[in-house]
């Protein structure tokens, strides 16, 4: 025997019926905090800032990046 029950209610009504806590305030706070952090760090995405930060690591990082690129390109070339 198979039975299907359809319940028509809002998410708020379902949450209350199941006794789940209301976390909408916490969610709003987290969204606001993430927005603040994104806005504060958006300048780090500019190419100038990215290169300045990357260059500060010195030639070691540049050499590692070059090796990574060579390895990636070497794996994509067809071998005959």
Protein backbone atom coordinates (compact mmCIF):
# COMPACT_ATOMS: atom_id res chain seq x y z
CA UNK A 1 0.00 0.00 0.00
CA UNK A 2 1.35 3.40 -0.96
CA UNK A 3 0.07 6.66 0.46
CA UNK A 4 0.96 10.21 -0.55
CA UNK A 5 0.26 13.19 1.68
CA UNK A 6 0.64 16.69 0.32
CA UNK A 7 1.06 19.53 2.80
CA UNK A 8 0.57 23.09 1.61
CA UNK A 9 2.34 25.47 3.97
CA UNK A 10 4.99 28.16 3.99
CA UNK A 11 8.56 27.41 5.10
CA UNK A 12 7.87 29.42 8.26
CA UNK A 13 4.81 27.31 9.07
CA UNK A 14 6.72 24.09 8.43
CA UNK A 15 9.59 25.25 10.66
CA UNK A 16 7.21 26.03 13.52
CA UNK A 17 5.30 22.76 13.09
CA UNK A 18 8.52 20.72 13.20
CA UNK A 19 9.84 22.73 16.15
CA UNK A 20 12.96 23.92 14.37
CA UNK A 21 14.71 27.07 15.61
CA UNK A 22 14.35 30.36 13.75
CA UNK A 23 17.82 31.12 12.34
CA UNK A 24 16.80 33.94 10.01
CA UNK A 25 18.46 36.55 12.26
CA UNK A 26 21.70 34.58 12.26
CA UNK A 27 21.51 34.15 8.50
CA UNK A 28 20.97 37.89 7.98
CA UNK A 29 23.97 38.65 10.20
CA UNK A 30 26.19 36.20 8.30
CA UNK A 31 25.16 37.62 4.94
CA UNK A 32 25.91 41.17 6.12
CA UNK A 33 29.31 40.10 7.50
CA UNK A 34 30.25 38.34 4.27
CA UNK A 35 29.20 41.41 2.27
CA UNK A 36 31.42 43.62 4.45
CA UNK A 37 34.39 41.28 3.97
CA UNK A 38 33.90 41.07 0.22
CA UNK A 39 33.66 44.87 -0.04
CA UNK A 40 36.78 45.30 2.12
CA UNK A 41 38.83 42.86 0.03
CA UNK A 42 37.55 43.64 -3.45
CA UNK A 43 40.63 45.73 -4.27
CA UNK A 44 42.76 42.59 -3.90
CA UNK A 45 41.14 41.29 -7.09
CA UNK A 46 42.59 44.08 -9.19
CA UNK A 47 45.41 42.90 -11.48
CA UNK A 48 47.83 45.48 -10.07
CA UNK A 49 47.32 44.32 -6.47
CA UNK A 50 47.45 40.67 -7.48
CA UNK A 51 50.77 41.09 -9.27
CA UNK A 52 52.20 43.21 -6.45
CA UNK A 53 51.34 40.51 -3.90
CA UNK A 54 52.59 37.74 -6.16
CA UNK A 55 55.88 39.50 -6.91
CA UNK A 56 56.52 39.99 -3.19
CA UNK A 57 57.09 36.23 -2.87
CA UNK A 58 60.24 36.56 -4.96
CA UNK A 59 61.73 34.37 -7.64
CA UNK A 60 60.86 31.14 -5.83
CA UNK A 61 57.15 31.65 -6.46
CA UNK A 62 57.82 32.68 -10.04
CA UNK A 63 59.87 29.55 -10.63
CA UNK A 64 57.16 27.33 -9.11
CA UNK A 65 54.54 29.02 -11.28
CA UNK A 66 56.67 28.50 -14.41
CA UNK A 67 57.12 24.79 -13.55
CA UNK A 68 53.40 24.40 -12.96
CA UNK A 69 52.63 25.98 -16.34
CA UNK A 70 55.19 23.80 -18.11
CA UNK A 71 53.77 20.68 -16.50
CA UNK A 72 50.25 21.70 -17.52
CA UNK A 73 51.24 22.46 -21.07
CA UNK A 74 53.31 19.29 -21.36
CA UNK A 75 50.32 17.17 -20.37
CA UNK A 76 48.09 18.72 -23.00
CA UNK A 77 50.29 18.30 -26.07
CA UNK A 78 49.55 15.24 -28.22
CA UNK A 79 52.31 12.66 -28.34
CA UNK A 80 53.01 10.88 -31.58
